Amino acid sequence: MIRLYKKLNMKRGIALLLVFVVLATVGIVLPTSAAEQGSCGSKLTWTFDHGTLTIVGEGAMTDFNEYRTAPWYHLRGQITKVILPDGLTRVGRLAFYGCTSLRAISLPDTVRSVGDSAFYECESLEWVKLSATLSKIERQAFYGCKSLASISFPISLESIGDKAFYLCRSLSCITIPRYASKLGDQIFAYCTSLLRVSIESNIKTLPQWMFYGCENLSEIALPASLVEVDHYALKRCDSLTGIYHPGDSNTINALRGDLAESNPEYAASGYIGSGTMTDSSISSSIEYDKDGNVVRYNRSNEFDRIDGTFAHFLESEVLPMVENITLEDGRKLSIS
């Protein structure tokens, strides 16, 4: 009886082995786990494959929260590339929160808003192309994106929320466009590499703590509409040497008074006076092709008033980096 039982077990084992061999031979694969895909909006779906998150469809992405995180949240450390569709109108709240391996993102021109904390602490994010029709960047949208070196805001931009670029420690120059009249607090606080700022929007008050701790900021151009510098807006900007304002002497004197109260270090040694800087920035002088690739850096589009440190930065850091870029089709960047 025992010998018969052993023979039966052996036959069962051989039979099971033969079943697996047959399945493998005809190409049938047994299911191992659920597919990495799903929905992320009423008309949007997503798939993840080999580091690439692809979203297809149209309309607004779901606004996620602490209790209902993005469906790819468990993959956040593996996502190296995100492909977004034409027709997407909104990047949802917390959409790419903590995607620490994501290095670049291109928002299609149908995107009108970027949600609260959408790219929060995407610490490897170096390059962002914003939508040409973008009107709203919500609070903390790019908080802690410490590798982000430049950002070019579209003329359509109307509002930037609190701490939207807080702790973006690699940002070097920014230009806030003319229609961006709704600016939150602490937007660029602790952007420690920030060198130069031009504000073109018709704001009346520089929001509180806006550039707090931007220790390398040397020059800032303010709009003629501005009449007040709010609490600590330029506090701990230890390298600040020039503030330019195209207004009348009464306004400039009033700004001096605000600075003397909130930033006595600057008021004691810095310059504030009438005048403007050229309406340009590093980020706005970069041109892209239809796929979002950098194709040209316009070297002639420089600032008309530039200090030696910033000029050295351009010549030694920015231009060599751009000149060494080769696109996928083999083209080199054209620098003029």
Protein backbone atom coordinates (compact mmCIF):
# COMPACT_ATOMS: atom_id res chain seq x y z
CA MET A 1 0.00 0.00 0.00
CA ILE A 2 2.79 2.43 0.90
CA ARG A 3 4.63 1.61 -2.33
CA LEU A 4 1.44 2.26 -4.34
CA TYR A 5 0.90 5.66 -2.56
CA LYS A 6 4.42 6.75 -3.44
CA LYS A 7 3.91 5.80 -7.08
CA LEU A 8 0.67 7.82 -7.22
CA ASN A 9 2.38 10.91 -5.74
CA MET A 10 5.21 10.60 -8.23
CA LYS A 11 2.74 10.36 -11.11
CA ARG A 12 0.90 13.47 -9.87
CA GLY A 13 4.17 15.40 -9.64
CA ILE A 14 5.15 14.39 -13.17
CA ALA A 15 1.69 15.34 -14.43
CA LEU A 16 1.91 18.82 -12.86
CA LEU A 17 5.37 19.31 -14.33
CA LEU A 18 4.09 18.36 -17.77
CA VAL A 19 1.22 20.86 -17.44
CA PHE A 20 3.68 23.72 -16.77
CA VAL A 21 5.89 22.62 -19.68
CA VAL A 22 2.91 22.60 -22.06
CA LEU A 23 1.72 26.02 -20.89
CA ALA A 24 5.20 27.50 -21.36
CA THR A 25 5.52 25.88 -24.81
CA VAL A 26 2.28 27.39 -26.16
CA GLY A 27 3.03 30.80 -24.62
CA ILE A 28 0.37 30.85 -21.94
CA VAL A 29 1.49 32.80 -18.86
CA LEU A 30 -0.23 32.33 -15.54
CA PRO A 31 -1.35 35.59 -13.90
CA THR A 32 1.06 36.91 -11.27
CA SER A 33 -0.28 40.33 -10.23
CA ALA A 34 -2.78 43.02 -11.20
CA ALA A 35 -1.82 45.35 -14.06
CA GLU A 36 -0.45 48.77 -13.10
CA GLN A 37 -3.23 50.85 -14.57
CA GLY A 38 -6.43 52.61 -13.64
CA SER A 39 -8.36 55.87 -13.79
CA CYS A 40 -7.32 59.30 -12.53
CA GLY A 41 -10.20 61.47 -13.66
CA SER A 42 -13.67 61.11 -15.18
CA LYS A 43 -12.13 60.90 -18.65
CA LEU A 44 -8.51 60.06 -17.80
CA THR A 45 -6.72 56.73 -17.42
CA TRP A 46 -3.13 55.84 -16.55
CA THR A 47 -0.64 53.04 -17.10
CA PHE A 48 2.84 52.45 -15.68
CA ASP A 49 5.56 50.53 -17.47
CA HIS A 50 9.32 50.44 -16.92
CA GLY A 51 9.56 53.80 -15.16
CA THR A 52 7.14 55.66 -17.45
CA LEU A 53 3.74 56.86 -16.23
CA THR A 54 1.46 57.53 -19.19
CA ILE A 55 -1.85 59.35 -18.82
CA VAL A 56 -4.38 59.44 -21.67
CA GLY A 57 -7.73 61.13 -22.13
CA GLU A 58 -8.97 64.65 -21.48
CA GLY A 59 -10.36 66.92 -18.81
CA ALA A 60 -9.30 67.58 -15.22
CA MET A 61 -7.24 65.13 -13.18
CA THR A 62 -8.65 64.04 -9.83
CA ASP A 63 -7.69 66.15 -6.82
CA PHE A 64 -6.14 63.64 -4.43
CA ASN A 65 -5.69 64.01 -0.67
CA GLU A 66 -3.99 62.42 2.33
CA TYR A 67 -6.69 59.76 2.58
CA ARG A 68 -7.08 59.12 -1.13
CA THR A 69 -3.61 59.38 -2.64
CA ALA A 70 -2.80 59.18 -6.34
CA PRO A 71 -3.22 55.57 -7.57
CA TRP A 72 0.46 55.50 -8.56
CA TYR A 73 1.64 56.76 -5.17
CA HIS A 74 3.14 53.36 -4.30
CA LEU A 75 5.29 53.71 -7.46
CA ARG A 76 6.43 57.27 -6.74
CA GLY A 77 10.09 56.35 -6.28
CA GLN A 78 10.16 54.41 -9.58
CA ILE A 79 8.58 57.03 -11.85
CA THR A 80 11.28 58.59 -14.04
CA LYS A 81 9.09 59.93 -16.84
CA VAL A 82 5.53 61.24 -17.08
CA ILE A 83 3.64 61.62 -20.36
CA LEU A 84 0.58 63.88 -20.21
CA PRO A 85 -2.06 64.15 -22.96
CA ASP A 86 -3.23 67.10 -25.02
CA GLY A 87 -6.67 67.77 -23.60
CA LEU A 88 -5.59 67.59 -19.96
CA THR A 89 -6.94 70.75 -18.28
CA ARG A 90 -5.70 70.40 -14.70
CA VAL A 91 -2.90 68.62 -12.86
CA GLY A 92 -4.57 67.35 -9.71
CA ARG A 93 -3.76 68.09 -6.09
CA LEU A 94 -0.90 65.89 -4.78
CA ALA A 95 -0.72 64.22 -8.21
CA PHE A 96 3.04 63.65 -8.28
CA TYR A 97 3.79 64.20 -4.61
CA GLY A 98 7.17 62.71 -3.69
CA CYS A 99 8.09 61.41 -7.16
CA THR A 100 11.75 61.66 -6.26
CA SER A 101 13.12 60.14 -9.49
CA LEU A 102 11.18 62.37 -11.90
CA ARG A 103 13.63 64.70 -13.69
CA ALA A 104 11.50 66.56 -16.28
CA ILE A 105 7.87 67.36 -17.01
CA SER A 106 6.16 69.03 -19.96
CA LEU A 107 2.62 70.32 -19.41
CA PRO A 108 0.50 70.34 -22.58
CA ASP A 109 -0.89 73.70 -23.63
CA THR A 110 -4.41 72.70 -22.60
CA VAL A 111 -3.47 72.75 -18.89
CA ARG A 112 -4.99 75.76 -17.13
CA SER A 113 -4.09 74.99 -13.51
CA VAL A 114 -1.57 73.08 -11.41
CA GLY A 115 -3.06 71.84 -8.15
CA ASP A 116 -1.97 72.20 -4.53
CA SER A 117 1.28 70.28 -3.87
CA ALA A 118 1.12 68.65 -7.32
CA PHE A 119 4.92 68.28 -7.56
CA TYR A 120 5.70 68.58 -3.84
CA GLU A 121 9.26 67.45 -3.08
CA CYS A 122 10.03 66.09 -6.54
CA GLU A 123 13.62 66.62 -5.51
CA SER A 124 15.21 65.42 -8.79
CA LEU A 125 13.00 67.60 -11.01
CA GLU A 126 15.38 69.76 -13.07
CA TRP A 127 13.25 70.97 -15.96
CA VAL A 128 9.63 72.07 -16.27
CA LYS A 129 7.81 73.35 -19.34
CA LEU A 130 4.62 75.10 -18.29
CA SER A 131 1.52 75.29 -20.44
CA ALA A 132 1.20 78.35 -22.70
CA THR A 133 -2.35 78.84 -21.35
CA LEU A 134 -1.61 78.23 -17.67
CA SER A 135 -3.48 80.68 -15.43
CA LYS A 136 -3.08 79.29 -11.90
CA ILE A 137 -0.30 77.66 -9.88
CA GLU A 138 -1.70 76.66 -6.51
CA ARG A 139 -0.02 76.63 -3.11
CA GLN A 140 3.07 74.46 -2.63
CA ALA A 141 2.80 73.20 -6.23
CA PHE A 142 6.60 72.90 -6.62
CA TYR A 143 7.56 73.03 -2.93
CA GLY A 144 10.98 71.52 -2.27
CA CYS A 145 11.90 70.87 -5.91
CA LYS A 146 15.51 71.54 -4.99
CA SER A 147 16.98 70.63 -8.41
CA LEU A 148 14.74 72.93 -10.45
CA ALA A 149 17.15 75.41 -12.06
CA SER A 150 14.81 77.59 -14.15
CA ILE A 151 11.14 78.26 -14.74
CA SER A 152 9.54 80.32 -17.50
CA PHE A 153 6.09 81.64 -16.64
CA PRO A 154 3.62 82.12 -19.53
CA ILE A 155 2.02 85.50 -20.15
CA SER A 156 -1.37 83.88 -19.33
CA LEU A 157 -0.43 83.30 -15.67
CA GLU A 158 -2.75 85.09 -13.23
CA SER A 159 -1.99 83.68 -9.79
CA ILE A 160 0.73 81.90 -7.80
CA GLY A 161 -0.18 80.40 -4.43
CA ASP A 162 1.59 80.41 -1.06
CA LYS A 163 4.97 78.62 -0.99
CA ALA A 164 4.57 77.53 -4.62
CA PHE A 165 8.38 77.45 -5.11
CA TYR A 166 9.46 77.35 -1.48
CA LEU A 167 12.89 75.73 -1.02
CA CYS A 168 13.58 75.50 -4.76
CA ARG A 169 17.26 75.97 -4.03
CA SER A 170 18.56 75.80 -7.62
CA LEU A 171 16.38 78.52 -9.17
CA SER A 172 18.62 81.32 -10.45
CA CYS A 173 16.43 83.93 -12.18
CA ILE A 174 12.70 84.55 -12.47
CA THR A 175 10.39 86.94 -14.26
CA ILE A 176 6.82 87.27 -12.99
CA PRO A 177 4.61 88.20 -15.97
CA ARG A 178 2.31 91.18 -16.20
CA TYR A 179 -1.05 89.52 -15.49
CA ALA A 180 0.08 87.54 -12.42
CA SER A 181 -1.56 89.93 -9.98
CA LYS A 182 -2.56 87.38 -7.31
CA LEU A 183 0.62 86.42 -5.47
CA GLY A 184 0.67 84.45 -2.24
CA ASP A 185 3.06 84.58 0.71
CA GLN A 186 6.50 82.94 0.85
CA ILE A 187 6.38 81.95 -2.84
CA PHE A 188 10.16 81.96 -3.32
CA ALA A 189 11.34 81.80 0.29
CA TYR A 190 14.67 80.00 0.77
CA CYS A 191 15.44 79.88 -2.95
CA THR A 192 19.08 80.26 -2.00
CA SER A 193 20.51 80.31 -5.55
CA LEU A 194 18.18 83.04 -6.76
CA LEU A 195 20.23 85.91 -8.19
CA ARG A 196 17.90 88.21 -10.04
CA VAL A 197 14.15 88.92 -10.10
CA SER A 198 11.94 90.99 -12.39
CA ILE A 199 8.30 91.57 -11.40
CA GLU A 200 6.16 92.86 -14.26
CA SER A 201 2.70 92.33 -12.77
CA ASN A 202 0.64 95.25 -11.48
CA ILE A 203 0.79 94.36 -7.79
CA LYS A 204 0.55 97.06 -5.12
CA THR A 205 2.21 95.11 -2.32
CA LEU A 206 5.18 92.76 -2.32
CA PRO A 207 3.70 89.85 -0.30
CA GLN A 208 5.11 89.00 3.12
CA TRP A 209 8.07 86.63 3.32
CA MET A 210 8.06 86.35 -0.48
CA PHE A 211 11.85 86.19 -0.90
CA TYR A 212 12.77 85.45 2.70
CA GLY A 213 16.16 83.76 2.99
CA CYS A 214 17.16 84.24 -0.66
CA GLU A 215 20.69 84.86 0.48
CA ASN A 216 22.23 85.31 -2.99
CA LEU A 217 19.57 87.58 -4.48
CA SER A 218 21.43 90.67 -5.71
CA GLU A 219 18.91 92.67 -7.75
CA ILE A 220 15.15 92.98 -8.04
CA ALA A 221 13.04 95.09 -10.40
CA LEU A 222 9.67 96.16 -9.01
CA PRO A 223 6.64 97.36 -11.03
CA ALA A 224 5.52 100.99 -11.07
CA SER A 225 2.26 99.95 -9.37
CA LEU A 226 4.02 98.74 -6.20
CA VAL A 227 3.72 101.03 -3.17
CA GLU A 228 4.45 98.71 -0.24
CA VAL A 229 6.92 96.00 0.78
CA ASP A 230 5.16 93.72 3.25
CA HIS A 231 6.56 92.13 6.39
CA TYR A 232 9.90 90.34 5.82
CA ALA A 233 9.37 90.17 2.03
CA LEU A 234 13.12 90.74 1.51
CA LYS A 235 14.41 89.70 4.91
CA ARG A 236 17.72 87.78 4.98
CA CYS A 237 18.49 88.68 1.37
CA ASP A 238 22.06 89.33 2.44
CA SER A 239 23.50 89.88 -1.06
CA LEU A 240 20.86 92.39 -2.18
CA THR A 241 22.56 95.46 -3.66
CA GLY A 242 19.97 97.00 -5.97
CA ILE A 243 16.21 97.52 -6.03
CA TYR A 244 14.79 99.23 -9.11
CA HIS A 245 11.43 100.95 -9.24
CA PRO A 246 10.18 103.14 -12.11
CA GLY A 247 7.90 105.19 -9.85
CA ASP A 248 8.08 108.73 -8.48
CA SER A 249 10.28 109.90 -5.64
CA ASN A 250 7.46 109.78 -3.06
CA THR A 251 6.86 106.08 -3.74
CA ILE A 252 10.56 105.29 -3.63
CA ASN A 253 10.90 107.10 -0.29
CA ALA A 254 7.94 105.14 1.07
CA LEU A 255 9.60 101.88 -0.02
CA ARG A 256 12.80 102.96 1.70
CA GLY A 257 10.79 103.37 4.89
CA ASP A 258 9.31 99.86 4.56
CA LEU A 259 12.78 98.41 4.01
CA ALA A 260 14.26 100.28 6.95
CA GLU A 261 11.68 98.59 9.16
CA SER A 262 11.71 95.05 7.73
CA ASN A 263 15.22 94.81 6.30
CA PRO A 264 17.55 97.23 8.08
CA GLU A 265 20.64 95.44 6.73
CA TYR A 266 19.70 96.36 3.18
CA ALA A 267 18.42 99.82 4.04
CA ALA A 268 21.81 100.65 5.53
CA SER A 269 23.92 99.71 2.53
CA GLY A 270 21.77 98.82 -0.49
CA TYR A 271 20.54 100.92 -3.37
CA ILE A 272 16.93 101.69 -4.17
CA GLY A 273 16.10 104.07 -6.95
CA SER A 274 14.26 104.71 -10.18
CA GLY A 275 15.05 102.67 -13.26
CA THR A 276 14.31 99.32 -14.81
CA MET A 277 16.12 96.15 -15.80
CA THR A 278 15.78 94.61 -19.25
CA ASP A 279 12.62 92.53 -19.51
CA SER A 280 14.36 89.19 -19.74
CA SER A 281 15.62 86.27 -17.76
CA ILE A 282 17.62 83.12 -18.30
CA SER A 283 14.46 81.04 -18.41
CA SER A 284 12.60 83.24 -20.90
CA SER A 285 15.52 83.18 -23.34
CA ILE A 286 15.31 79.42 -23.80
CA GLU A 287 13.27 78.25 -26.79
CA TYR A 288 11.57 74.87 -27.21
CA ASP A 289 10.39 72.81 -30.16
CA LYS A 290 6.85 71.40 -30.44
CA ASP A 291 7.81 68.38 -28.32
CA GLY A 292 9.19 70.47 -25.47
CA ASN A 293 12.88 70.00 -26.28
CA VAL A 294 15.30 72.88 -25.78
CA VAL A 295 16.49 73.92 -29.24
CA ARG A 296 17.95 77.39 -28.83
CA TYR A 297 19.49 79.60 -26.17
CA ASN A 298 19.51 83.25 -27.15
CA ARG A 299 22.77 84.55 -25.76
CA SER A 300 22.15 88.11 -26.97
CA ASN A 301 19.06 88.43 -24.77
CA GLU A 302 21.07 89.51 -21.74
CA PHE A 303 20.40 91.91 -18.88
CA ASP A 304 21.51 95.47 -19.52
CA ARG A 305 22.64 95.88 -15.91
CA ILE A 306 24.55 92.88 -14.69
CA ASP A 307 27.05 92.38 -11.92
CA GLY A 308 30.30 90.47 -12.27
CA THR A 309 29.16 87.47 -10.24
CA PHE A 310 26.10 86.91 -12.38
CA ALA A 311 28.02 87.43 -15.62
CA HIS A 312 30.58 84.85 -14.49
CA PHE A 313 27.74 82.46 -13.65
CA LEU A 314 26.32 82.81 -17.17
CA GLU A 315 29.67 82.36 -18.90
CA SER A 316 31.06 79.56 -16.77
CA GLU A 317 27.96 77.57 -15.81
CA VAL A 318 24.93 78.18 -17.99
CA LEU A 319 26.39 78.56 -21.50
CA PRO A 320 28.75 75.55 -21.37
CA MET A 321 25.92 73.39 -20.07
CA VAL A 322 23.58 74.44 -22.88
CA GLU A 323 26.27 74.13 -25.58
CA ASN A 324 26.89 70.50 -24.62
CA ILE A 325 23.28 69.44 -25.04
CA THR A 326 22.56 67.12 -27.97
CA LEU A 327 18.95 66.38 -28.84
CA GLU A 328 17.63 62.88 -29.60
CA ASP A 329 17.75 63.51 -33.34
CA GLY A 330 21.42 64.47 -33.14
CA ARG A 331 20.98 68.25 -33.40
CA LYS A 332 23.16 70.54 -31.36
CA LEU A 333 21.80 73.67 -29.68
CA SER A 334 22.28 76.94 -31.54
CA ILE A 335 23.70 79.75 -29.40
CA SER A 336 23.73 83.26 -30.79
